[in-house]
Amino acid sequence: MADADYFIGVAQQALWVLALASAPILIPALVAGLILGMIQAATSINEATLSFVPKLIIVAVALAIFGGSILLLLADFTREIFARIPDLVR
C-alpha cells in the first residue's frame, strides 16, 4: 500500500508543478484576452487578428521573462523523481 501512496503523492506533486509552470503564461494571456474582448465589445470590431496578435506577443514576453524559472522548476522536479527511483527498486 505504501507504493500506492507514493505514486499518488508523485501525481499530486506533478499536478502542482504543472500549475506552477503554466500559470505565468496562462494568466497574462487570460487577462489580455479579457481586456481585448471588452475593447472589441465596446467598439464592435470583430477582427480576429486584433485579439490574436497581442495575445501572441504577451505570451512571447511572458515566456522570455519566466521561461528560465519554468525550466528550472521542471528540471528540479525531474531530478527529484529520478533520485527517488532507487527507493522503489528495493
N, C-alpha and C. Protein backbone atom coordinates (compact mmCIF):
# COMPACT_ATOMS: atom_id res chain seq x y z
N MET A 1 0.82 -1.20 0.00
CA MET A 1 0.00 0.00 0.00
C MET A 1 0.86 1.26 0.00
N ALA A 2 2.08 1.13 0.46
CA ALA A 2 2.97 2.29 0.51
C ALA A 2 3.31 2.76 -0.90
N ASP A 3 3.41 1.82 -1.84
CA ASP A 3 3.70 2.21 -3.22
C ASP A 3 2.57 3.02 -3.82
N ALA A 4 1.33 2.67 -3.48
CA ALA A 4 0.19 3.43 -4.00
C ALA A 4 0.21 4.85 -3.44
N ASP A 5 0.52 4.98 -2.16
CA ASP A 5 0.61 6.32 -1.56
C ASP A 5 1.73 7.13 -2.20
N TYR A 6 2.81 6.45 -2.50
CA TYR A 6 3.94 7.13 -3.14
C TYR A 6 3.53 7.68 -4.50
N PHE A 7 2.87 6.86 -5.31
CA PHE A 7 2.51 7.30 -6.65
C PHE A 7 1.42 8.36 -6.62
N ILE A 8 0.55 8.30 -5.65
CA ILE A 8 -0.46 9.37 -5.51
C ILE A 8 0.23 10.67 -5.13
N GLY A 9 1.23 10.59 -4.26
CA GLY A 9 1.99 11.79 -3.90
C GLY A 9 2.75 12.37 -5.08
N VAL A 10 3.32 11.49 -5.90
CA VAL A 10 4.04 11.96 -7.10
C VAL A 10 3.06 12.61 -8.07
N ALA A 11 1.88 12.02 -8.22
CA ALA A 11 0.88 12.60 -9.13
C ALA A 11 0.42 13.97 -8.63
N GLN A 12 0.23 14.11 -7.32
CA GLN A 12 -0.16 15.40 -6.76
C GLN A 12 0.93 16.44 -6.97
N GLN A 13 2.18 16.02 -6.76
CA GLN A 13 3.29 16.94 -6.96
C GLN A 13 3.42 17.32 -8.43
N ALA A 14 3.18 16.37 -9.32
CA ALA A 14 3.26 16.66 -10.76
C ALA A 14 2.19 17.66 -11.17
N LEU A 15 0.98 17.52 -10.63
CA LEU A 15 -0.07 18.48 -10.94
C LEU A 15 0.25 19.87 -10.41
N TRP A 16 0.85 19.93 -9.22
CA TRP A 16 1.24 21.22 -8.65
C TRP A 16 2.33 21.87 -9.50
N VAL A 17 3.31 21.10 -9.93
CA VAL A 17 4.38 21.64 -10.78
C VAL A 17 3.80 22.10 -12.11
N LEU A 18 2.85 21.34 -12.66
CA LEU A 18 2.20 21.75 -13.90
C LEU A 18 1.47 23.07 -13.74
N ALA A 19 0.78 23.25 -12.62
CA ALA A 19 0.08 24.52 -12.38
C ALA A 19 1.06 25.67 -12.24
N LEU A 20 2.16 25.44 -11.51
CA LEU A 20 3.16 26.49 -11.34
C LEU A 20 3.87 26.83 -12.65
N ALA A 21 4.05 25.83 -13.51
CA ALA A 21 4.76 26.07 -14.77
C ALA A 21 3.87 26.77 -15.80
N SER A 22 2.57 26.49 -15.77
CA SER A 22 1.70 27.08 -16.79
C SER A 22 1.08 28.41 -16.38
N ALA A 23 1.00 28.69 -15.09
CA ALA A 23 0.36 29.92 -14.64
C ALA A 23 1.02 31.20 -15.15
N PRO A 24 2.36 31.31 -15.17
CA PRO A 24 2.95 32.56 -15.66
C PRO A 24 2.68 32.84 -17.13
N ILE A 25 2.24 31.86 -17.87
CA ILE A 25 1.92 32.07 -19.28
C ILE A 25 0.42 32.24 -19.47
N LEU A 26 -0.37 31.42 -18.76
CA LEU A 26 -1.81 31.45 -18.96
C LEU A 26 -2.48 32.68 -18.36
N ILE A 27 -2.01 33.13 -17.21
CA ILE A 27 -2.67 34.27 -16.56
C ILE A 27 -2.53 35.56 -17.38
N PRO A 28 -1.33 35.93 -17.88
CA PRO A 28 -1.29 37.13 -18.74
C PRO A 28 -2.10 36.98 -20.03
N ALA A 29 -2.13 35.78 -20.61
CA ALA A 29 -2.93 35.57 -21.81
C ALA A 29 -4.41 35.71 -21.51
N LEU A 30 -4.83 35.22 -20.35
CA LEU A 30 -6.23 35.34 -19.95
C LEU A 30 -6.61 36.80 -19.72
N VAL A 31 -5.76 37.54 -19.03
CA VAL A 31 -6.05 38.96 -18.77
C VAL A 31 -6.07 39.75 -20.08
N ALA A 32 -5.12 39.47 -20.96
CA ALA A 32 -5.08 40.16 -22.26
C ALA A 32 -6.33 39.85 -23.08
N GLY A 33 -6.74 38.58 -23.08
CA GLY A 33 -7.95 38.21 -23.81
C GLY A 33 -9.19 38.88 -23.26
N LEU A 34 -9.26 38.99 -21.94
CA LEU A 34 -10.40 39.64 -21.32
C LEU A 34 -10.44 41.13 -21.67
N ILE A 35 -9.31 41.78 -21.57
CA ILE A 35 -9.25 43.22 -21.90
C ILE A 35 -9.55 43.45 -23.38
N LEU A 36 -8.95 42.64 -24.24
CA LEU A 36 -9.20 42.81 -25.67
C LEU A 36 -10.64 42.48 -26.03
N GLY A 37 -11.23 41.50 -25.37
CA GLY A 37 -12.64 41.19 -25.61
C GLY A 37 -13.55 42.33 -25.21
N MET A 38 -13.23 42.98 -24.09
CA MET A 38 -14.04 44.13 -23.67
C MET A 38 -13.89 45.29 -24.66
N ILE A 39 -12.67 45.49 -25.15
CA ILE A 39 -12.45 46.56 -26.14
C ILE A 39 -13.20 46.25 -27.43
N GLN A 40 -13.15 44.99 -27.86
CA GLN A 40 -13.86 44.61 -29.08
C GLN A 40 -15.37 44.74 -28.91
N ALA A 41 -15.88 44.39 -27.74
CA ALA A 41 -17.31 44.52 -27.50
C ALA A 41 -17.74 45.99 -27.45
N ALA A 42 -16.88 46.84 -26.89
CA ALA A 42 -17.23 48.25 -26.79
C ALA A 42 -17.17 48.95 -28.14
N THR A 43 -16.26 48.54 -29.00
CA THR A 43 -16.10 49.20 -30.29
C THR A 43 -16.77 48.47 -31.43
N SER A 44 -17.32 47.28 -31.17
CA SER A 44 -17.98 46.44 -32.18
C SER A 44 -17.03 46.08 -33.32
N ILE A 45 -15.76 45.94 -33.02
CA ILE A 45 -14.78 45.49 -34.01
C ILE A 45 -14.61 43.98 -33.83
N ASN A 46 -14.92 43.21 -34.84
CA ASN A 46 -14.83 41.76 -34.76
C ASN A 46 -13.72 41.23 -35.66
N GLU A 47 -12.55 41.74 -35.49
CA GLU A 47 -11.38 41.30 -36.27
C GLU A 47 -10.61 40.27 -35.46
N ALA A 48 -10.36 39.11 -36.04
CA ALA A 48 -9.70 38.02 -35.31
C ALA A 48 -8.25 38.35 -35.00
N THR A 49 -7.57 39.03 -35.90
CA THR A 49 -6.16 39.33 -35.66
C THR A 49 -5.98 40.37 -34.55
N LEU A 50 -7.03 41.15 -34.28
CA LEU A 50 -6.94 42.15 -33.21
C LEU A 50 -6.80 41.48 -31.84
N SER A 51 -7.34 40.29 -31.69
CA SER A 51 -7.20 39.60 -30.41
C SER A 51 -6.04 38.61 -30.42
N PHE A 52 -5.70 38.07 -31.59
CA PHE A 52 -4.66 37.04 -31.66
C PHE A 52 -3.26 37.60 -31.51
N VAL A 53 -2.94 38.63 -32.23
CA VAL A 53 -1.57 39.17 -32.25
C VAL A 53 -1.14 39.72 -30.89
N PRO A 54 -1.95 40.53 -30.21
CA PRO A 54 -1.50 40.99 -28.89
C PRO A 54 -1.32 39.85 -27.88
N LYS A 55 -2.20 38.85 -27.92
CA LYS A 55 -2.04 37.71 -27.02
C LYS A 55 -0.78 36.93 -27.35
N LEU A 56 -0.48 36.80 -28.60
CA LEU A 56 0.75 36.11 -29.02
C LEU A 56 1.98 36.86 -28.52
N ILE A 57 1.96 38.17 -28.62
CA ILE A 57 3.08 38.99 -28.14
C ILE A 57 3.21 38.87 -26.62
N ILE A 58 2.10 38.91 -25.91
CA ILE A 58 2.13 38.82 -24.45
C ILE A 58 2.64 37.45 -24.00
N VAL A 59 2.23 36.39 -24.67
CA VAL A 59 2.73 35.05 -24.33
C VAL A 59 4.22 34.96 -24.62
N ALA A 60 4.68 35.54 -25.71
CA ALA A 60 6.11 35.52 -26.02
C ALA A 60 6.91 36.29 -24.97
N VAL A 61 6.41 37.43 -24.53
CA VAL A 61 7.09 38.20 -23.48
C VAL A 61 7.10 37.44 -22.16
N ALA A 62 5.96 36.80 -21.83
CA ALA A 62 5.89 36.01 -20.60
C ALA A 62 6.87 34.84 -20.65
N LEU A 63 7.00 34.20 -21.80
CA LEU A 63 7.97 33.11 -21.94
C LEU A 63 9.39 33.62 -21.82
N ALA A 64 9.66 34.80 -22.36
CA ALA A 64 11.00 35.36 -22.26
C ALA A 64 11.34 35.71 -20.80
N ILE A 65 10.34 36.19 -20.06
CA ILE A 65 10.59 36.57 -18.67
C ILE A 65 10.65 35.36 -17.75
N PHE A 66 9.67 34.47 -17.87
CA PHE A 66 9.53 33.36 -16.93
C PHE A 66 10.05 32.03 -17.45
N GLY A 67 10.53 31.99 -18.67
CA GLY A 67 10.97 30.72 -19.26
C GLY A 67 12.07 30.03 -18.49
N GLY A 68 13.04 30.78 -18.02
CA GLY A 68 14.15 30.20 -17.27
C GLY A 68 13.71 29.59 -15.95
N SER A 69 12.83 30.30 -15.24
CA SER A 69 12.37 29.76 -13.95
C SER A 69 11.45 28.56 -14.15
N ILE A 70 10.67 28.56 -15.23
CA ILE A 70 9.83 27.39 -15.53
C ILE A 70 10.71 26.19 -15.84
N LEU A 71 11.76 26.41 -16.61
CA LEU A 71 12.67 25.32 -16.95
C LEU A 71 13.38 24.78 -15.71
N LEU A 72 13.79 25.66 -14.80
CA LEU A 72 14.41 25.21 -13.55
C LEU A 72 13.43 24.43 -12.69
N LEU A 73 12.19 24.86 -12.64
CA LEU A 73 11.17 24.14 -11.88
C LEU A 73 10.97 22.73 -12.42
N LEU A 74 10.86 22.61 -13.72
CA LEU A 74 10.69 21.29 -14.34
C LEU A 74 11.93 20.42 -14.17
N ALA A 75 13.11 21.01 -14.27
CA ALA A 75 14.34 20.24 -14.10
C ALA A 75 14.49 19.75 -12.66
N ASP A 76 14.15 20.59 -11.69
CA ASP A 76 14.21 20.16 -10.28
C ASP A 76 13.23 19.03 -10.00
N PHE A 77 12.04 19.12 -10.56
CA PHE A 77 11.05 18.06 -10.37
C PHE A 77 11.55 16.75 -10.99
N THR A 78 12.13 16.84 -12.18
CA THR A 78 12.64 15.64 -12.84
C THR A 78 13.78 15.02 -12.06
N ARG A 79 14.69 15.86 -11.57
CA ARG A 79 15.81 15.34 -10.75
C ARG A 79 15.30 14.65 -9.49
N GLU A 80 14.30 15.24 -8.86
CA GLU A 80 13.74 14.66 -7.64
C GLU A 80 13.08 13.31 -7.92
N ILE A 81 12.37 13.22 -9.03
CA ILE A 81 11.74 11.95 -9.39
C ILE A 81 12.80 10.89 -9.69
N PHE A 82 13.83 11.25 -10.43
CA PHE A 82 14.90 10.29 -10.74
C PHE A 82 15.67 9.89 -9.49
N ALA A 83 15.80 10.79 -8.53
CA ALA A 83 16.51 10.46 -7.29
C ALA A 83 15.71 9.47 -6.44
N ARG A 84 14.41 9.42 -6.61
CA ARG A 84 13.56 8.50 -5.84
C ARG A 84 13.50 7.10 -6.44
N ILE A 85 13.99 6.89 -7.63
CA ILE A 85 13.89 5.59 -8.30
C ILE A 85 14.57 4.49 -7.51
N PRO A 86 15.76 4.66 -6.96
CA PRO A 86 16.38 3.55 -6.21
C PRO A 86 15.56 3.11 -5.00
N ASP A 87 14.81 4.01 -4.38
CA ASP A 87 13.98 3.63 -3.24
C ASP A 87 12.83 2.72 -3.65
N LEU A 88 12.39 2.83 -4.89
CA LEU A 88 11.28 1.98 -5.36
C LEU A 88 11.75 0.60 -5.80
N VAL A 89 13.01 0.49 -6.20
CA VAL A 89 13.51 -0.76 -6.76
C VAL A 89 13.74 -1.81 -5.66
N ARG A 90 14.11 -1.38 -4.49
CA ARG A 90 14.46 -2.35 -3.42
C ARG A 90 13.35 -3.20 -3.03
